[in-house]
Amino acid sequence: MFFKNIRNHAKQFLGNYKQENPATFAAAQEAIGGLMILDGFIGIDNPLGGKKRSGIFGSLIGIFVGLLFVFGIGFFTNLTGINKMTATTTATVVSVSQPSATTTDSNGNTSGSSC
């Protein structure tokens, strides 16, 4: 449906030139063809009344920005060395203790056992 609409607009536009002069008609056809090719690549405003599209280059730029977000973070962390920020240390255990278990019954009495 959309392409049929573009075709009708182009025929109406070129109809005026076809009646006046065949050379002007051919030049107008070339100009419309060039604009449609340019629209496919970079997405100019459609000269025949349609809305703006991104074109091939717009899509490629969108893919590039998406890949930059996906892989750029990993590249940045490797480049700056953030993922290598680790430290080691040594320690000596001085004492080990085990806590005693205490329980409270329904009357409020506590009892404990130690191991």
N, C-alpha and C. Protein backbone atom coordinates (compact mmCIF):
# COMPACT_ATOMS: atom_id res chain seq x y z
N MET A 1 0.83 -1.19 0.00
CA MET A 1 0.00 0.00 0.00
C MET A 1 0.87 1.26 0.00
N PHE A 2 1.92 1.26 0.83
CA PHE A 2 2.80 2.42 0.93
C PHE A 2 3.53 2.69 -0.38
N PHE A 3 4.04 1.62 -1.02
CA PHE A 3 4.78 1.80 -2.26
C PHE A 3 3.86 2.22 -3.41
N LYS A 4 2.62 1.79 -3.38
CA LYS A 4 1.66 2.22 -4.39
C LYS A 4 1.41 3.72 -4.26
N ASN A 5 1.35 4.22 -3.05
CA ASN A 5 1.15 5.64 -2.80
C ASN A 5 2.33 6.46 -3.33
N ILE A 6 3.56 5.98 -3.09
CA ILE A 6 4.75 6.67 -3.61
C ILE A 6 4.73 6.67 -5.13
N ARG A 7 4.36 5.56 -5.71
CA ARG A 7 4.32 5.46 -7.17
C ARG A 7 3.31 6.46 -7.75
N ASN A 8 2.14 6.58 -7.15
CA ASN A 8 1.14 7.53 -7.64
C ASN A 8 1.62 8.97 -7.51
N HIS A 9 2.28 9.30 -6.39
CA HIS A 9 2.82 10.66 -6.22
C HIS A 9 3.88 10.96 -7.28
N ALA A 10 4.73 9.97 -7.53
CA ALA A 10 5.78 10.18 -8.53
C ALA A 10 5.19 10.37 -9.93
N LYS A 11 4.16 9.59 -10.26
CA LYS A 11 3.53 9.73 -11.58
C LYS A 11 2.88 11.11 -11.73
N GLN A 12 2.23 11.59 -10.67
CA GLN A 12 1.61 12.91 -10.72
C GLN A 12 2.67 14.00 -10.88
N PHE A 13 3.76 13.86 -10.16
CA PHE A 13 4.83 14.85 -10.23
C PHE A 13 5.46 14.88 -11.62
N LEU A 14 5.71 13.70 -12.16
CA LEU A 14 6.36 13.62 -13.47
C LEU A 14 5.40 13.92 -14.62
N GLY A 15 4.11 13.80 -14.40
CA GLY A 15 3.13 14.04 -15.46
C GLY A 15 3.22 15.44 -16.04
N ASN A 16 3.44 16.43 -15.19
CA ASN A 16 3.58 17.82 -15.67
C ASN A 16 4.78 17.97 -16.59
N TYR A 17 5.89 17.33 -16.24
CA TYR A 17 7.10 17.46 -17.05
C TYR A 17 6.98 16.67 -18.36
N LYS A 18 6.26 15.57 -18.36
CA LYS A 18 6.13 14.75 -19.56
C LYS A 18 5.37 15.50 -20.66
N GLN A 19 4.40 16.30 -20.27
CA GLN A 19 3.60 17.03 -21.25
C GLN A 19 4.37 18.22 -21.82
N GLU A 20 5.28 18.81 -21.03
CA GLU A 20 5.98 20.02 -21.50
C GLU A 20 7.13 19.69 -22.44
N ASN A 21 8.07 18.86 -21.98
CA ASN A 21 9.29 18.64 -22.76
C ASN A 21 9.87 17.28 -22.39
N PRO A 22 10.14 16.42 -23.37
CA PRO A 22 10.70 15.10 -23.06
C PRO A 22 12.06 15.16 -22.37
N ALA A 23 12.88 16.13 -22.69
CA ALA A 23 14.20 16.25 -22.05
C ALA A 23 14.04 16.63 -20.58
N THR A 24 13.11 17.51 -20.29
CA THR A 24 12.86 17.90 -18.91
C THR A 24 12.27 16.72 -18.13
N PHE A 25 11.42 15.94 -18.79
CA PHE A 25 10.83 14.75 -18.17
C PHE A 25 11.93 13.75 -17.77
N ALA A 26 12.88 13.52 -18.67
CA ALA A 26 13.98 12.59 -18.39
C ALA A 26 14.83 13.10 -17.23
N ALA A 27 15.09 14.40 -17.21
CA ALA A 27 15.88 14.97 -16.11
C ALA A 27 15.13 14.85 -14.78
N ALA A 28 13.83 15.05 -14.81
CA ALA A 28 13.04 14.91 -13.58
C ALA A 28 13.02 13.46 -13.11
N GLN A 29 12.95 12.51 -14.05
CA GLN A 29 13.02 11.10 -13.67
C GLN A 29 14.36 10.77 -13.01
N GLU A 30 15.43 11.28 -13.57
CA GLU A 30 16.76 11.04 -12.99
C GLU A 30 16.87 11.66 -11.60
N ALA A 31 16.31 12.85 -11.44
CA ALA A 31 16.37 13.51 -10.14
C ALA A 31 15.60 12.73 -9.09
N ILE A 32 14.41 12.25 -9.44
CA ILE A 32 13.62 11.46 -8.48
C ILE A 32 14.32 10.14 -8.18
N GLY A 33 14.90 9.51 -9.18
CA GLY A 33 15.64 8.27 -8.95
C GLY A 33 16.83 8.49 -8.03
N GLY A 34 17.56 9.58 -8.25
CA GLY A 34 18.69 9.90 -7.38
C GLY A 34 18.26 10.17 -5.94
N LEU A 35 17.15 10.89 -5.80
CA LEU A 35 16.64 11.17 -4.45
C LEU A 35 16.19 9.89 -3.74
N MET A 36 15.60 8.97 -4.49
CA MET A 36 15.16 7.72 -3.85
C MET A 36 16.35 6.86 -3.45
N ILE A 37 17.41 6.86 -4.24
CA ILE A 37 18.63 6.13 -3.86
C ILE A 37 19.26 6.78 -2.63
N LEU A 38 19.34 8.10 -2.63
CA LEU A 38 19.88 8.82 -1.48
C LEU A 38 19.04 8.57 -0.24
N ASP A 39 17.74 8.51 -0.40
CA ASP A 39 16.85 8.21 0.72
C ASP A 39 17.12 6.82 1.28
N GLY A 40 17.41 5.87 0.41
CA GLY A 40 17.73 4.52 0.87
C GLY A 40 19.00 4.46 1.68
N PHE A 41 19.99 5.29 1.31
CA PHE A 41 21.26 5.27 2.03
C PHE A 41 21.22 6.08 3.33
N ILE A 42 20.80 7.33 3.27
CA ILE A 42 20.90 8.18 4.46
C ILE A 42 19.57 8.59 5.05
N GLY A 43 18.46 8.33 4.36
CA GLY A 43 17.16 8.62 4.94
C GLY A 43 16.76 10.08 4.91
N ILE A 44 16.83 10.71 3.76
CA ILE A 44 16.38 12.10 3.66
C ILE A 44 14.87 12.16 3.76
N ASP A 45 14.33 13.37 3.89
CA ASP A 45 12.88 13.51 3.87
C ASP A 45 12.37 13.09 2.50
N ASN A 46 11.33 12.32 2.49
CA ASN A 46 10.78 11.81 1.25
C ASN A 46 10.20 12.97 0.45
N PRO A 47 10.68 13.23 -0.76
CA PRO A 47 10.18 14.36 -1.54
C PRO A 47 8.75 14.16 -2.05
N LEU A 48 8.22 12.97 -1.91
CA LEU A 48 6.88 12.69 -2.42
C LEU A 48 5.84 12.63 -1.32
N GLY A 49 6.09 13.26 -0.19
CA GLY A 49 5.09 13.39 0.84
C GLY A 49 5.15 12.36 1.96
N GLY A 50 6.12 11.46 1.95
CA GLY A 50 6.21 10.45 3.01
C GLY A 50 6.96 10.99 4.21
N LYS A 51 7.06 10.16 5.25
CA LYS A 51 7.78 10.59 6.44
C LYS A 51 9.24 10.16 6.37
N LYS A 52 10.06 10.75 7.22
CA LYS A 52 11.50 10.49 7.22
C LYS A 52 11.78 9.10 7.78
N ARG A 53 12.72 8.43 7.12
CA ARG A 53 13.19 7.12 7.58
C ARG A 53 14.68 7.22 7.84
N SER A 54 15.21 6.25 8.54
CA SER A 54 16.63 6.32 8.91
C SER A 54 17.56 5.90 7.79
N GLY A 55 17.14 5.09 6.87
CA GLY A 55 18.01 4.65 5.79
C GLY A 55 18.99 3.60 6.26
N ILE A 56 19.82 3.13 5.34
CA ILE A 56 20.79 2.08 5.64
C ILE A 56 21.84 2.59 6.62
N PHE A 57 22.37 3.79 6.40
CA PHE A 57 23.41 4.31 7.27
C PHE A 57 22.87 4.57 8.67
N GLY A 58 21.62 5.00 8.79
CA GLY A 58 21.03 5.20 10.11
C GLY A 58 20.92 3.89 10.88
N SER A 59 20.56 2.84 10.17
CA SER A 59 20.49 1.52 10.81
C SER A 59 21.87 1.03 11.21
N LEU A 60 22.86 1.24 10.36
CA LEU A 60 24.22 0.82 10.69
C LEU A 60 24.76 1.60 11.89
N ILE A 61 24.45 2.89 11.97
CA ILE A 61 24.89 3.68 13.12
C ILE A 61 24.21 3.16 14.40
N GLY A 62 22.94 2.81 14.32
CA GLY A 62 22.24 2.25 15.48
C GLY A 62 22.86 0.94 15.94
N ILE A 63 23.23 0.09 14.99
CA ILE A 63 23.88 -1.18 15.34
C ILE A 63 25.24 -0.91 15.97
N PHE A 64 26.00 0.03 15.43
CA PHE A 64 27.32 0.36 15.96
C PHE A 64 27.22 0.88 17.40
N VAL A 65 26.27 1.76 17.66
CA VAL A 65 26.11 2.29 19.02
C VAL A 65 25.71 1.18 19.99
N GLY A 66 24.85 0.27 19.55
CA GLY A 66 24.46 -0.86 20.40
C GLY A 66 25.64 -1.76 20.72
N LEU A 67 26.46 -2.06 19.72
CA LEU A 67 27.65 -2.88 19.95
C LEU A 67 28.65 -2.16 20.84
N LEU A 68 28.73 -0.85 20.70
CA LEU A 68 29.63 -0.07 21.56
C LEU A 68 29.21 -0.20 23.02
N PHE A 69 27.92 -0.15 23.30
CA PHE A 69 27.45 -0.32 24.67
C PHE A 69 27.69 -1.73 25.18
N VAL A 70 27.51 -2.72 24.31
CA VAL A 70 27.66 -4.11 24.75
C VAL A 70 29.12 -4.46 25.01
N PHE A 71 30.00 -4.16 24.05
CA PHE A 71 31.39 -4.57 24.16
C PHE A 71 32.30 -3.48 24.69
N GLY A 72 31.87 -2.24 24.67
CA GLY A 72 32.71 -1.13 25.13
C GLY A 72 33.02 -1.18 26.61
N ILE A 73 32.06 -1.63 27.41
CA ILE A 73 32.27 -1.71 28.86
C ILE A 73 33.37 -2.71 29.17
N GLY A 74 33.33 -3.88 28.56
CA GLY A 74 34.37 -4.89 28.78
C GLY A 74 35.73 -4.41 28.31
N PHE A 75 35.78 -3.74 27.17
CA PHE A 75 37.04 -3.21 26.67
C PHE A 75 37.60 -2.15 27.62
N PHE A 76 36.73 -1.29 28.13
CA PHE A 76 37.17 -0.23 29.04
C PHE A 76 37.73 -0.81 30.34
N THR A 77 37.06 -1.83 30.88
CA THR A 77 37.56 -2.42 32.13
C THR A 77 38.89 -3.13 31.93
N ASN A 78 39.08 -3.77 30.78
CA ASN A 78 40.37 -4.41 30.50
C ASN A 78 41.46 -3.38 30.27
N LEU A 79 41.12 -2.29 29.62
CA LEU A 79 42.10 -1.25 29.31
C LEU A 79 42.57 -0.54 30.57
N THR A 80 41.66 -0.24 31.48
CA THR A 80 42.02 0.50 32.69
C THR A 80 42.53 -0.40 33.80
N GLY A 81 42.31 -1.71 33.70
CA GLY A 81 42.79 -2.61 34.73
C GLY A 81 41.89 -2.68 35.95
N ILE A 82 40.66 -2.25 35.84
CA ILE A 82 39.73 -2.28 36.98
C ILE A 82 39.50 -3.71 37.43
N ASN A 83 39.47 -4.65 36.49
CA ASN A 83 39.21 -6.04 36.87
C ASN A 83 40.40 -6.69 37.57
N LYS A 84 41.58 -6.04 37.61
CA LYS A 84 42.76 -6.59 38.28
C LYS A 84 42.99 -5.96 39.65
N MET A 85 42.04 -5.21 40.16
CA MET A 85 42.20 -4.55 41.45
C MET A 85 41.88 -5.53 42.57
N THR A 86 42.83 -6.39 42.88
CA THR A 86 42.69 -7.34 43.97
C THR A 86 43.90 -7.21 44.87
N ALA A 87 43.77 -7.65 46.11
CA ALA A 87 44.87 -7.59 47.06
C ALA A 87 44.92 -8.89 47.84
N THR A 88 46.11 -9.24 48.29
CA THR A 88 46.27 -10.42 49.14
C THR A 88 46.96 -9.98 50.43
N THR A 89 46.72 -10.73 51.46
CA THR A 89 47.34 -10.44 52.75
C THR A 89 47.52 -11.75 53.50
N THR A 90 48.31 -11.72 54.57
CA THR A 90 48.51 -12.90 55.42
C THR A 90 47.97 -12.57 56.79
N ALA A 91 47.55 -13.60 57.51
CA ALA A 91 47.00 -13.41 58.85
C ALA A 91 47.37 -14.60 59.72
N THR A 92 47.37 -14.36 61.03
CA THR A 92 47.63 -15.40 62.01
C THR A 92 46.43 -15.49 62.93
N VAL A 93 45.92 -16.71 63.14
CA VAL A 93 44.78 -16.92 64.03
C VAL A 93 45.32 -16.95 65.45
N VAL A 94 44.79 -16.06 66.29
CA VAL A 94 45.26 -15.94 67.66
C VAL A 94 44.45 -16.85 68.59
N SER A 95 43.16 -16.86 68.47
CA SER A 95 42.35 -17.74 69.33
C SER A 95 41.07 -18.10 68.61
N VAL A 96 40.49 -19.21 69.08
CA VAL A 96 39.23 -19.68 68.53
C VAL A 96 38.31 -19.93 69.71
N SER A 97 37.13 -19.38 69.69
CA SER A 97 36.17 -19.62 70.76
C SER A 97 34.84 -20.00 70.14
N GLN A 98 34.06 -20.74 70.93
CA GLN A 98 32.77 -21.19 70.44
C GLN A 98 31.70 -20.60 71.35
N PRO A 99 30.71 -19.92 70.81
CA PRO A 99 29.69 -19.31 71.66
C PRO A 99 28.82 -20.38 72.29
N SER A 100 28.33 -20.06 73.48
CA SER A 100 27.43 -21.00 74.16
C SER A 100 26.01 -20.76 73.70
N ALA A 101 25.24 -21.83 73.70
CA ALA A 101 23.86 -21.73 73.27
C ALA A 101 22.98 -21.52 74.50
N THR A 102 22.13 -20.52 74.46
CA THR A 102 21.18 -20.28 75.56
C THR A 102 19.77 -20.33 75.01
N THR A 103 18.85 -20.86 75.85
CA THR A 103 17.45 -20.94 75.45
C THR A 103 16.59 -20.34 76.54
N THR A 104 15.46 -19.80 76.15
CA THR A 104 14.50 -19.23 77.10
C THR A 104 13.20 -20.00 76.98
N ASP A 105 12.67 -20.47 78.13
CA ASP A 105 11.39 -21.19 78.09
C ASP A 105 10.23 -20.21 78.23
N SER A 106 9.00 -20.74 78.27
CA SER A 106 7.82 -19.89 78.30
C SER A 106 7.68 -19.13 79.61
N ASN A 107 8.32 -19.55 80.68
CA ASN A 107 8.25 -18.85 81.97
C ASN A 107 9.33 -17.77 82.09
N GLY A 108 10.20 -17.65 81.12
CA GLY A 108 11.25 -16.63 81.16
C GLY A 108 12.55 -17.16 81.74
N ASN A 109 12.64 -18.43 82.04
CA ASN A 109 13.88 -19.01 82.57
C ASN A 109 14.84 -19.28 81.43
N THR A 110 16.09 -18.94 81.64
CA THR A 110 17.11 -19.19 80.62
C THR A 110 18.00 -20.32 81.09
N SER A 111 18.41 -21.11 80.14
CA SER A 111 19.36 -22.18 80.44
C SER A 111 20.40 -22.18 79.34
N GLY A 112 21.63 -22.48 79.71
CA GLY A 112 22.72 -22.46 78.74
C GLY A 112 23.53 -23.72 78.83
N SER A 113 24.14 -24.04 77.77
CA SER A 113 25.05 -25.18 77.75
C SER A 113 26.29 -24.75 77.02
N SER A 114 27.39 -25.14 77.54
CA SER A 114 28.63 -24.83 76.82
C SER A 114 29.31 -26.11 76.46
N CYS A 115 29.98 -26.06 75.35
CA CYS A 115 30.61 -27.26 74.84
C CYS A 115 31.99 -27.43 75.36
